[in-house]
Amino acid sequence: MASAEWFVAGRRSQKGGSAVDWNDGHALGRALRDAYPSGNYVTVSDAELIDLVTALPGFGKTAVPPDAATLMAVRLAWVAAAEGEDDTSPYEGGA
């Protein structure tokens, strides 16, 4: 099973077998990272992002398109997954 499928399947089992949807931003971000490792998550349009997400295995097909805030959450989750979820900040600590 490919990594993207593994994340989506894992999220599906956490939801009691239901399909992954737009509210599963972290799972979608990881799945996008694995499915499109060389994808340019910074310049992908909203329409392209919708196409990429709906093409993921196990994604629940929905007639309701995501709103701008949901798309941004998925995009940020993809960035975090692709660049590593590093909790350190250059702004922490005293100067």
Foldseek 3Di string as FASTA:
>chain_A
DFPLVVLQVVVCVVVVNAFDELVPQLSLLLSLCRVCVPDDLVPQDLVRLQVSSVPGPRHDDDPDDDDPVSSVSNSVSNVCNNVDVDPDDPPDDDD
